[in-house]
N, C-alpha and C. Protein backbone atom coordinates (compact mmCIF):
# COMPACT_ATOMS: atom_id res chain seq x y z
N MET A 1 69.53 159.73 39.26
CA MET A 1 68.49 158.80 39.76
C MET A 1 68.20 156.94 38.59
N PRO A 2 69.39 157.60 36.94
CA PRO A 2 69.53 155.98 36.71
C PRO A 2 70.84 155.19 36.67
N ASP A 3 71.01 155.11 38.19
CA ASP A 3 71.50 154.61 38.48
C ASP A 3 71.01 154.16 39.73
N ILE A 4 69.41 154.30 40.12
CA ILE A 4 69.15 153.76 40.78
C ILE A 4 68.24 152.40 40.05
N PHE A 5 67.94 153.68 38.48
CA PHE A 5 67.33 152.32 37.63
C PHE A 5 68.36 150.96 37.64
N TYR A 6 69.04 151.35 36.91
CA TYR A 6 70.24 149.66 37.07
C TYR A 6 70.47 149.22 37.94
N VAL A 7 70.40 149.97 39.27
CA VAL A 7 70.12 148.93 40.57
C VAL A 7 68.88 147.98 40.25
N LEU A 8 68.34 149.53 40.17
CA LEU A 8 66.67 147.60 40.56
C LEU A 8 66.63 146.85 38.93
N MET A 9 67.53 147.17 37.48
CA MET A 9 67.62 146.27 36.98
C MET A 9 68.45 145.09 37.59
N ILE A 10 68.93 145.20 37.26
CA ILE A 10 70.50 144.69 39.05
C ILE A 10 69.58 143.10 39.22
N CYS A 11 68.53 144.31 40.49
CA CYS A 11 68.65 143.14 41.86
C CYS A 11 67.43 142.19 40.52
N CYS A 12 66.96 142.69 39.25
CA CYS A 12 65.33 142.38 39.10
C CYS A 12 66.48 140.73 38.10
N ILE A 13 66.95 141.33 37.75
CA ILE A 13 67.79 139.94 36.72
C ILE A 13 67.95 139.01 37.50
N SER A 14 69.13 139.74 39.10
CA SER A 14 69.75 138.54 39.87
C SER A 14 68.28 137.56 40.36
N VAL A 15 67.11 138.61 40.88
CA VAL A 15 66.28 137.00 41.35
C VAL A 15 65.69 137.28 40.24
N LEU A 16 65.43 137.27 39.05
CA LEU A 16 65.10 135.96 37.99
C LEU A 16 65.07 135.14 37.71
N MET A 17 66.75 135.04 37.39
CA MET A 17 68.08 133.90 37.91
C MET A 17 68.19 133.07 38.83
N SER A 18 68.20 133.80 40.30
CA SER A 18 67.79 132.70 40.72
C SER A 18 67.17 131.89 41.77
N SER A 19 65.58 133.05 40.85
CA SER A 19 64.52 131.62 40.50
C SER A 19 64.02 130.87 40.18
N SER A 20 65.06 131.42 38.59
CA SER A 20 65.23 129.89 37.22
C SER A 20 65.78 128.40 38.10
N VAL A 21 67.10 129.48 39.03
CA VAL A 21 67.99 128.38 40.02
C VAL A 21 66.50 127.05 41.01
N ILE A 22 66.03 127.69 41.54
CA ILE A 22 65.34 127.39 43.08
C ILE A 22 64.60 126.26 41.77
N LYS A 23 63.53 126.92 41.02
CA LYS A 23 62.45 126.49 39.90
C LYS A 23 63.08 125.40 38.74
N ARG A 24 64.44 125.08 38.72
CA ARG A 24 64.41 123.81 37.89
C ARG A 24 64.68 123.01 39.77
N LYS A 25 65.50 123.52 40.70
CA LYS A 25 65.86 122.39 41.90
C LYS A 25 64.80 121.38 41.95
N ASN A 26 63.41 122.51 42.66
CA ASN A 26 62.53 122.45 42.79
C ASN A 26 61.81 120.90 42.05
N ASN A 27 61.86 121.45 39.88
CA ASN A 27 62.00 120.39 38.92
C ASN A 27 62.50 118.99 39.31
N PHE A 28 63.49 119.14 39.93
CA PHE A 28 64.00 117.48 39.48
C PHE A 28 63.23 117.25 40.80
N ASP A 29 62.95 117.32 42.37
CA ASP A 29 63.12 117.21 43.58
C ASP A 29 61.56 117.03 43.96
N LYS A 30 60.99 116.93 42.40
CA LYS A 30 58.94 116.73 41.91
C LYS A 30 58.97 115.73 41.40
N LEU A 31 60.64 115.41 40.57
CA LEU A 31 60.62 114.08 40.51
C LEU A 31 59.70 112.48 40.31
N LYS A 32 58.99 112.09 39.30
CA LYS A 32 57.85 110.89 40.46
C LYS A 32 59.19 110.17 40.55
N LEU A 33 58.26 109.56 41.66
CA LEU A 33 60.06 107.71 41.79
C LEU A 33 60.35 107.31 40.79
N GLU A 34 59.05 107.02 40.42
CA GLU A 34 58.59 106.47 39.69
C GLU A 34 60.18 106.31 38.58
N GLU A 35 59.94 107.79 37.81
CA GLU A 35 60.96 108.83 37.16
C GLU A 35 62.51 108.61 37.90
N LYS A 36 62.83 108.81 39.21
CA LYS A 36 63.97 108.27 39.72
C LYS A 36 64.20 107.24 39.64
N ILE A 37 63.81 106.31 39.76
CA ILE A 37 63.94 104.83 40.44
C ILE A 37 64.79 104.59 37.75
N ASP A 38 63.73 104.95 36.93
CA ASP A 38 64.22 104.77 35.94
C ASP A 38 65.84 105.02 34.83
N ARG A 39 65.46 106.11 36.44
CA ARG A 39 66.80 107.18 36.16
C ARG A 39 68.22 107.07 36.75
N TYR A 40 67.81 106.45 37.53
CA TYR A 40 69.34 105.80 38.52
C TYR A 40 69.38 104.97 38.67
N LEU A 41 68.73 104.23 38.02
CA LEU A 41 69.06 102.52 38.46
C LEU A 41 69.12 102.28 37.06
N PRO A 42 70.59 101.92 36.78
CA PRO A 42 70.95 100.93 35.08
C PRO A 42 70.87 100.26 35.10
N LEU A 43 69.83 99.74 33.41
CA LEU A 43 69.19 98.29 33.69
C LEU A 43 69.56 97.44 33.38
N LYS A 44 70.93 97.69 33.27
CA LYS A 44 72.09 96.09 33.16
C LYS A 44 72.49 95.12 35.01
N LYS A 45 71.76 96.00 35.47
CA LYS A 45 72.59 96.39 36.80
C LYS A 45 70.71 95.58 37.96
N TYR A 46 69.74 96.23 37.55
CA TYR A 46 68.66 96.78 38.19
C TYR A 46 67.58 96.11 37.50
N ARG A 47 66.57 95.38 37.78
CA ARG A 47 64.91 95.39 37.60
C ARG A 47 64.54 95.67 38.14
N VAL A 48 63.02 96.89 37.87
CA VAL A 48 62.26 96.92 38.09
C VAL A 48 60.92 95.93 38.04
N LEU A 49 60.46 95.95 39.40
CA LEU A 49 59.03 95.25 38.68
C LEU A 49 58.06 96.17 39.72
N LYS A 50 56.80 96.76 38.82
CA LYS A 50 55.75 97.43 39.80
C LYS A 50 54.56 97.37 40.15
N GLN A 51 54.10 97.55 41.33
CA GLN A 51 52.87 97.44 41.69
C GLN A 51 52.14 95.53 42.01
N ILE A 52 53.04 95.02 42.77
CA ILE A 52 52.79 93.98 42.60
C ILE A 52 51.44 93.74 43.31
N HIS A 53 51.02 92.12 43.56
CA HIS A 53 49.67 91.39 43.92
C HIS A 53 50.22 90.64 44.49
N LEU A 54 50.62 90.55 45.80
CA LEU A 54 51.39 89.01 46.56
C LEU A 54 50.05 88.96 47.50
N GLU A 55 50.01 86.81 47.34
CA GLU A 55 49.16 86.74 48.55
C GLU A 55 50.04 85.88 49.43
N ASN A 56 49.77 86.20 51.08
CA ASN A 56 50.82 85.32 51.70
C ASN A 56 49.95 84.78 52.69
N ASP A 57 50.16 83.64 53.12
CA ASP A 57 48.74 83.15 53.68
C ASP A 57 47.80 84.28 53.74
N ASP A 58 47.10 83.77 54.54
CA ASP A 58 45.83 84.93 54.77
C ASP A 58 45.50 86.11 54.36
N ASP A 59 47.05 86.86 54.05
CA ASP A 59 46.64 87.84 54.00
C ASP A 59 46.60 88.07 52.25
N TYR A 60 46.20 89.54 51.42
CA TYR A 60 46.70 89.67 50.42
C TYR A 60 47.20 91.19 50.46
N PHE A 61 48.03 91.68 49.02
CA PHE A 61 48.47 93.35 49.65
C PHE A 61 49.17 93.33 48.21
N ILE A 62 49.41 94.64 48.28
CA ILE A 62 49.92 95.34 46.80
C ILE A 62 51.58 96.28 47.30
N MET A 63 52.36 95.06 46.73
CA MET A 63 53.59 95.81 46.46
C MET A 63 53.76 97.04 45.88
N ASP A 64 54.84 98.07 46.44
CA ASP A 64 54.61 99.09 45.37
C ASP A 64 55.69 99.08 43.99
N TYR A 65 57.33 98.56 45.18
CA TYR A 65 58.15 98.66 44.38
C TYR A 65 58.87 96.74 45.03
N ILE A 66 59.71 96.41 43.20
CA ILE A 66 60.53 95.23 43.74
C ILE A 66 61.45 95.37 42.90
N ILE A 67 62.39 96.08 43.21
CA ILE A 67 63.75 96.03 42.35
C ILE A 67 64.67 95.10 43.04
N LEU A 68 64.62 94.11 41.84
CA LEU A 68 66.17 93.42 41.88
C LEU A 68 67.61 93.92 41.49
N SER A 69 68.56 93.39 41.45
CA SER A 69 69.79 93.24 40.68
C SER A 69 70.67 93.11 41.27
N THR A 70 71.75 93.17 41.02
CA THR A 70 73.27 92.36 40.79
C THR A 70 73.20 92.39 42.87
N TYR A 71 72.62 92.69 43.66
CA TYR A 71 73.45 93.31 44.80
C TYR A 71 71.79 93.11 45.53
N GLY A 72 71.20 92.41 45.19
CA GLY A 72 70.03 91.59 45.89
C GLY A 72 68.64 92.68 45.84
N ILE A 73 68.16 92.41 46.95
CA ILE A 73 66.17 92.49 46.13
C ILE A 73 65.37 93.81 47.40
N PHE A 74 65.41 94.67 46.05
CA PHE A 74 65.27 95.50 47.10
C PHE A 74 63.24 96.02 46.99
N ILE A 75 63.08 95.72 48.17
CA ILE A 75 61.24 95.82 48.53
C ILE A 75 61.46 97.08 48.77
N LEU A 76 60.47 98.52 47.84
CA LEU A 76 60.05 99.32 48.13
C LEU A 76 58.63 99.77 48.49
N ASN A 77 57.90 100.03 49.38
CA ASN A 77 56.83 100.08 50.32
C ASN A 77 56.82 102.06 50.47
N VAL A 78 56.00 101.91 49.89
CA VAL A 78 56.27 104.17 50.02
C VAL A 78 54.66 104.44 49.91
N LYS A 79 54.71 105.34 50.87
CA LYS A 79 53.85 106.12 51.41
C LYS A 79 53.54 107.46 51.86
N LYS A 80 52.85 107.98 52.01
CA LYS A 80 52.08 109.51 51.79
C LYS A 80 51.97 110.08 53.36
N TYR A 81 51.67 109.75 54.92
CA TYR A 81 51.46 110.58 55.38
C TYR A 81 52.39 110.95 55.62
N GLY A 82 51.59 111.76 56.87
CA GLY A 82 51.87 112.55 57.64
C GLY A 82 52.26 112.71 58.72
N GLY A 83 52.67 113.12 59.72
CA GLY A 83 52.16 114.53 61.58
C GLY A 83 53.00 113.05 61.75
N THR A 84 52.80 112.54 62.79
CA THR A 84 54.37 111.63 63.29
C THR A 84 53.89 110.69 64.02
N LEU A 85 54.30 108.96 63.11
CA LEU A 85 53.99 107.81 63.18
C LEU A 85 55.21 107.31 64.52
N ASP A 86 54.30 106.67 65.52
CA ASP A 86 54.85 106.19 66.31
C ASP A 86 54.74 104.50 65.99
N GLY A 87 55.85 103.39 66.60
CA GLY A 87 55.07 102.23 67.18
C GLY A 87 56.75 101.41 67.06
N PHE A 88 56.44 99.22 67.03
CA PHE A 88 57.88 99.03 66.82
C PHE A 88 58.27 98.63 65.35
N GLU A 89 58.72 97.96 65.54
CA GLU A 89 59.16 97.11 63.30
C GLU A 89 58.42 96.43 63.68
N ASN A 90 58.31 95.36 64.73
CA ASN A 90 57.68 94.26 64.45
C ASN A 90 55.81 94.10 64.82
N GLU A 91 55.66 95.68 65.24
CA GLU A 91 53.82 95.52 65.42
C GLU A 91 53.28 95.37 64.44
N LYS A 92 52.52 94.66 64.09
CA LYS A 92 51.61 94.89 62.59
C LYS A 92 51.03 96.63 62.48
N ASN A 93 50.50 96.64 63.17
CA ASN A 93 49.94 98.57 63.19
C ASN A 93 51.13 99.58 64.09
N TRP A 94 50.70 101.08 62.90
CA TRP A 94 51.93 102.07 64.26
C TRP A 94 50.40 102.48 64.63
N LEU A 95 51.29 103.36 64.84
CA LEU A 95 50.04 104.87 65.43
C LEU A 95 50.48 106.38 64.93
N LYS A 96 49.49 106.74 64.53
CA LYS A 96 49.65 108.57 63.53
C LYS A 96 48.89 109.29 64.02
N ILE A 97 49.38 110.18 64.58
CA ILE A 97 49.03 110.94 65.27
C ILE A 97 49.44 112.45 64.63
N SER A 98 47.98 112.80 63.44
CA SER A 98 48.33 114.29 61.96
C SER A 98 47.14 115.21 63.00
N ASN A 99 47.84 116.07 63.78
CA ASN A 99 46.50 117.53 64.75
C ASN A 99 46.30 117.52 65.83
N ARG A 100 46.80 116.62 66.48
CA ARG A 100 46.08 115.74 67.96
C ARG A 100 44.86 114.60 66.98
N ASN A 101 44.72 113.89 66.07
CA ASN A 101 43.99 113.31 65.92
C ASN A 101 44.77 111.90 66.08
N LYS A 102 44.11 110.81 66.23
CA LYS A 102 45.08 109.70 66.45
C LYS A 102 44.46 108.57 65.35
N GLN A 103 45.17 107.76 64.73
CA GLN A 103 44.62 106.84 63.85
C GLN A 103 45.85 105.89 64.03
N ASN A 104 45.84 104.20 64.24
CA ASN A 104 45.86 103.41 64.26
C ASN A 104 45.75 102.76 62.28
N ILE A 105 47.59 103.25 61.33
CA ILE A 105 47.98 102.32 60.76
C ILE A 105 48.05 101.29 60.19
N SER A 106 48.65 100.37 58.97
CA SER A 106 49.23 99.79 58.64
C SER A 106 51.11 99.84 58.88
N ASN A 107 51.40 98.97 59.98
CA ASN A 107 53.09 99.29 59.68
C ASN A 107 53.39 98.59 58.23
N PRO A 108 54.00 100.33 57.22
CA PRO A 108 54.91 99.37 56.44
C PRO A 108 56.63 98.39 56.14
N ILE A 109 56.94 97.82 57.61
CA ILE A 109 57.87 97.31 57.69
C ILE A 109 57.46 96.20 57.56
N TYR A 110 56.37 95.69 58.52
CA TYR A 110 56.05 94.95 58.58
C TYR A 110 55.31 94.45 57.01
N GLU A 111 54.61 94.61 56.14
CA GLU A 111 53.86 94.83 54.96
C GLU A 111 55.17 93.65 54.33
N ASN A 112 56.34 94.62 54.31
CA ASN A 112 57.40 94.57 53.79
C ASN A 112 57.90 93.02 54.25
N HIS A 113 57.95 92.84 55.53
CA HIS A 113 58.43 91.20 55.68
C HIS A 113 57.90 90.27 55.28
N LEU A 114 56.14 90.32 54.96
CA LEU A 114 55.01 89.84 54.40
C LEU A 114 55.51 89.61 52.46
N THR A 115 55.95 90.50 52.41
CA THR A 115 56.29 90.49 50.44
C THR A 115 57.95 89.86 51.20
N GLU A 116 58.78 89.99 52.35
CA GLU A 116 60.20 89.08 51.92
C GLU A 116 60.35 87.20 51.75
N LYS A 117 58.56 87.47 53.05
CA LYS A 117 58.13 85.90 52.62
C LYS A 117 58.05 85.20 51.64
N ARG A 118 57.04 86.12 51.38
CA ARG A 118 55.97 85.39 50.37
C ARG A 118 57.76 85.41 48.59
N ILE A 119 58.15 86.00 48.36
CA ILE A 119 59.26 86.09 47.36
C ILE A 119 60.11 85.02 47.71
N ARG A 120 60.51 85.47 49.12
CA ARG A 120 62.21 83.79 49.23
C ARG A 120 60.93 82.51 49.24
N LYS A 121 59.78 82.27 48.82
CA LYS A 121 59.21 81.18 48.39
C LYS A 121 58.84 80.64 47.00
N ILE A 122 58.81 81.92 46.41
CA ILE A 122 59.05 82.36 45.31
C ILE A 122 60.62 81.97 44.36
N LEU A 123 61.22 82.63 45.08
CA LEU A 123 62.58 82.37 44.64
C LEU A 123 62.89 81.14 43.93
N GLY A 124 62.82 80.20 45.07
CA GLY A 124 63.85 78.87 45.18
C GLY A 124 65.01 78.53 45.57
N SER A 125 65.86 78.53 44.56
CA SER A 125 66.91 78.38 44.63
C SER A 125 67.95 79.13 45.04
N TYR A 126 67.46 80.75 44.93
CA TYR A 126 67.50 81.92 45.15
C TYR A 126 66.92 82.36 46.13
N ASN A 127 66.40 81.47 47.01
CA ASN A 127 65.45 82.16 48.52
C ASN A 127 67.44 82.93 49.71
N LYS A 128 68.48 82.59 49.15
CA LYS A 128 69.36 83.21 50.27
C LYS A 128 70.17 84.67 50.15
N LEU A 129 69.54 84.64 48.22
CA LEU A 129 69.89 86.66 48.12
C LEU A 129 69.19 87.45 49.55
N PRO A 130 70.29 88.31 49.78
CA PRO A 130 70.25 89.20 50.26
C PRO A 130 68.64 90.29 50.23
N VAL A 131 67.38 90.74 50.80
CA VAL A 131 66.66 91.37 51.08
C VAL A 131 66.56 92.48 51.46
N HIS A 132 67.17 93.46 50.69
CA HIS A 132 67.09 95.02 51.57
C HIS A 132 65.20 95.79 51.73
N SER A 133 64.61 95.84 52.59
CA SER A 133 63.68 96.33 53.49
C SER A 133 63.35 98.25 53.29
N ILE A 134 62.64 98.29 51.89
CA ILE A 134 62.81 100.45 52.11
C ILE A 134 61.95 100.63 52.17
N VAL A 135 61.19 101.54 53.55
CA VAL A 135 60.32 101.71 53.32
C VAL A 135 60.37 104.00 53.10
N ILE A 136 59.62 104.39 52.29
CA ILE A 136 59.66 105.55 51.56
C ILE A 136 59.34 106.63 51.89
N PHE A 137 59.12 107.86 52.58
CA PHE A 137 57.73 108.16 52.97
C PHE A 137 57.67 109.20 51.60
N THR A 138 56.64 109.45 51.01
CA THR A 138 57.04 111.73 50.25
C THR A 138 56.50 112.06 50.68
N ASN A 139 56.00 112.24 52.06
CA ASN A 139 55.75 114.05 53.48
C ASN A 139 57.00 114.15 53.56
N ASP A 140 57.80 114.88 52.83
CA ASP A 140 59.40 115.53 54.23
C ASP A 140 58.41 116.18 54.68
N GLU A 141 57.44 116.29 55.28
CA GLU A 141 57.00 116.44 56.89
C GLU A 141 56.81 115.46 58.06
N VAL A 142 56.18 114.18 57.42
CA VAL A 142 56.00 113.25 58.19
C VAL A 142 57.35 112.95 59.26
N ASP A 143 57.36 112.35 60.67
CA ASP A 143 58.08 112.56 61.78
C ASP A 143 58.55 110.92 61.87
N PHE A 144 58.89 110.43 61.86
CA PHE A 144 59.55 108.97 61.95
C PHE A 144 60.06 108.59 62.89
N SER A 145 60.87 109.37 63.80
CA SER A 145 62.35 109.21 64.00
C SER A 145 61.94 108.51 65.50
N HIS A 146 60.40 108.39 65.79
CA HIS A 146 59.81 107.19 67.53
C HIS A 146 60.36 106.25 66.34
N ILE A 147 60.02 105.69 65.50
CA ILE A 147 60.23 104.24 65.44
C ILE A 147 61.15 103.65 65.33
N GLU A 148 61.22 102.74 66.70
CA GLU A 148 62.71 101.86 66.28
C GLU A 148 62.74 101.11 65.05
N THR A 149 63.51 100.95 65.01
CA THR A 149 63.98 99.97 63.41
C THR A 149 65.29 100.27 62.71
N ASN A 150 65.90 99.08 62.87
CA ASN A 150 67.14 98.65 62.00
C ASN A 150 67.09 98.88 60.44
N LYS A 151 65.82 98.55 59.92
CA LYS A 151 65.32 98.73 58.60
C LYS A 151 65.30 100.10 57.98
N ASP A 152 64.96 100.36 56.69
CA ASP A 152 65.77 101.77 55.81
C ASP A 152 64.67 102.09 55.89
N LEU A 153 63.78 103.67 57.12
CA LEU A 153 62.51 104.18 56.98
C LEU A 153 63.63 105.60 55.97
N ILE A 154 63.53 106.10 54.44
CA ILE A 154 63.60 107.09 54.54
C ILE A 154 62.54 108.08 53.73
N TYR A 155 63.51 109.08 53.40
CA TYR A 155 61.79 110.45 52.86
C TYR A 155 62.54 109.71 50.82
N GLU A 156 62.12 110.16 50.66
CA GLU A 156 61.91 110.15 48.88
C GLU A 156 63.59 110.48 48.61
N LYS A 157 63.85 111.27 48.81
CA LYS A 157 64.84 112.62 48.03
C LYS A 157 66.03 111.36 48.74
N ASP A 158 65.62 109.98 49.66
CA ASP A 158 67.03 109.64 50.29
C ASP A 158 67.39 108.37 49.21
N LEU A 159 66.85 108.15 48.53
CA LEU A 159 66.63 106.78 47.83
C LEU A 159 67.86 106.28 47.22
N THR A 160 68.47 107.49 46.64
CA THR A 160 69.14 106.60 45.64
C THR A 160 70.66 106.26 46.61
N ASN A 161 70.84 107.37 47.65
CA ASN A 161 71.76 107.29 48.92
C ASN A 161 71.35 105.98 49.38
N VAL A 162 70.52 105.38 49.58
CA VAL A 162 70.79 104.06 49.66
C VAL A 162 70.24 103.10 49.47
N ILE A 163 69.82 103.54 48.42
CA ILE A 163 71.01 101.63 47.34
C ILE A 163 71.68 101.76 46.58
N GLU A 164 72.99 102.65 47.22
CA GLU A 164 74.00 103.33 46.78
C GLU A 164 74.73 102.08 47.90
N LYS A 165 74.38 101.91 49.41
CA LYS A 165 74.54 102.17 50.31
C LYS A 165 75.15 100.18 50.42
N TYR A 166 73.63 99.35 49.58
CA TYR A 166 74.21 98.03 49.67
C TYR A 166 74.83 97.94 47.71
N LYS A 167 75.66 99.10 47.21
CA LYS A 167 76.53 98.26 46.22
C LYS A 167 77.88 97.23 46.26
N LYS A 168 77.89 96.88 47.71
CA LYS A 168 79.54 96.25 48.24
C LYS A 168 79.41 95.09 47.03
N ASP A 169 78.40 93.73 47.87
CA ASP A 169 79.00 92.52 46.98
C ASP A 169 78.17 93.05 45.80
N GLN A 170 78.66 91.58 45.15
CA GLN A 170 77.39 91.68 43.62
C GLN A 170 76.97 89.76 43.89
N TYR A 171 75.65 89.76 43.87
CA TYR A 171 75.78 88.49 43.92
C TYR A 171 74.62 87.95 43.20
N LEU A 172 74.48 87.94 42.01
CA LEU A 172 74.12 87.52 40.49
C LEU A 172 75.17 88.17 39.76
N LYS A 173 74.86 86.84 38.83
CA LYS A 173 75.64 87.61 37.19
C LYS A 173 73.85 87.83 36.19
N GLU A 174 74.55 89.67 35.85
CA GLU A 174 73.17 90.10 34.62
C GLU A 174 72.63 88.73 34.17
N GLU A 175 72.38 87.70 33.85
CA GLU A 175 72.33 86.86 32.95
C GLU A 175 70.75 85.56 34.23
N GLU A 176 70.85 85.31 35.44
CA GLU A 176 70.59 85.41 36.35
C GLU A 176 70.00 86.64 37.30
N LEU A 177 70.10 87.09 36.74
CA LEU A 177 68.70 89.02 36.61
C LEU A 177 67.73 88.45 36.18
N SER A 178 68.58 88.35 34.58
CA SER A 178 67.18 88.45 34.46
C SER A 178 66.65 87.32 33.83
N LEU A 179 66.97 85.65 34.55
CA LEU A 179 66.03 84.56 35.18
C LEU A 179 64.91 85.18 35.81
N LEU A 180 65.43 86.47 36.96
CA LEU A 180 64.61 86.19 38.26
C LEU A 180 64.27 86.75 38.10
N TYR A 181 63.93 88.25 37.11
CA TYR A 181 63.02 89.10 36.70
C TYR A 181 62.45 88.35 35.80
N GLU A 182 62.00 87.65 35.54
CA GLU A 182 61.03 87.06 34.38
C GLU A 182 60.23 85.76 35.05
N LYS A 183 60.83 85.18 36.01
CA LYS A 183 60.44 83.99 37.53
C LYS A 183 59.29 85.32 38.20
N LEU A 184 59.68 85.92 38.98
CA LEU A 184 58.37 86.98 39.64
C LEU A 184 57.98 87.98 38.59
N ASN A 185 58.40 88.65 37.23
CA ASN A 185 57.41 89.52 36.70
C ASN A 185 56.16 88.10 36.00
N GLU A 186 56.19 86.80 36.08
CA GLU A 186 55.19 86.19 36.34
C GLU A 186 54.05 86.39 37.63
N ILE A 187 54.67 86.29 38.48
CA ILE A 187 54.39 86.42 39.88
C ILE A 187 52.95 87.87 38.98
N LYS A 188 53.78 88.97 39.01
CA LYS A 188 53.11 90.01 38.24
C LYS A 188 51.64 90.30 37.42
N LYS A 189 51.52 88.79 36.41
CA LYS A 189 50.95 89.15 35.63
C LYS A 189 49.06 87.56 36.36
N LEU A 190 49.54 87.47 37.07
CA LEU A 190 48.49 86.41 38.12
C LEU A 190 47.27 87.34 38.25
């Protein structure tokens, strides 16, 4: 009888320890995107602008994040879509299919394209910097495999890996990065 007690106690301790590890992993996975960005992108090489209000011709929109770096500019468009997405990179709208319901939604790649056009106008002499368009889906259940594009459509957990792949060439010095940040930060205040 005491052997069974010890076996049960060891099993319980083992389960508690493994659930603690799982909780820590889940807590790490649940860090808000903003916290991930602040945590993984060193201020020396990256500057983050959040909730940028932009106008482009007749369009007015808010971009979630613009990350300026010595490696170029990252436009991050964060979506909470679920279901299956279908469409093409250059279309203004996509089709979202969820629980047999179909809905037209705004194409986030198109939104990023408008943002890029507006930023290039503002950048002046820096308008030749590479701009990396990234659409981030916070819902791991979304299926975007039907979208044909060479742009980055990713799940939130993949953001740091995608940014890492662009760390090949350095286009700006740190001083230039600071000046560019100040210039773009001004449009945020408008």
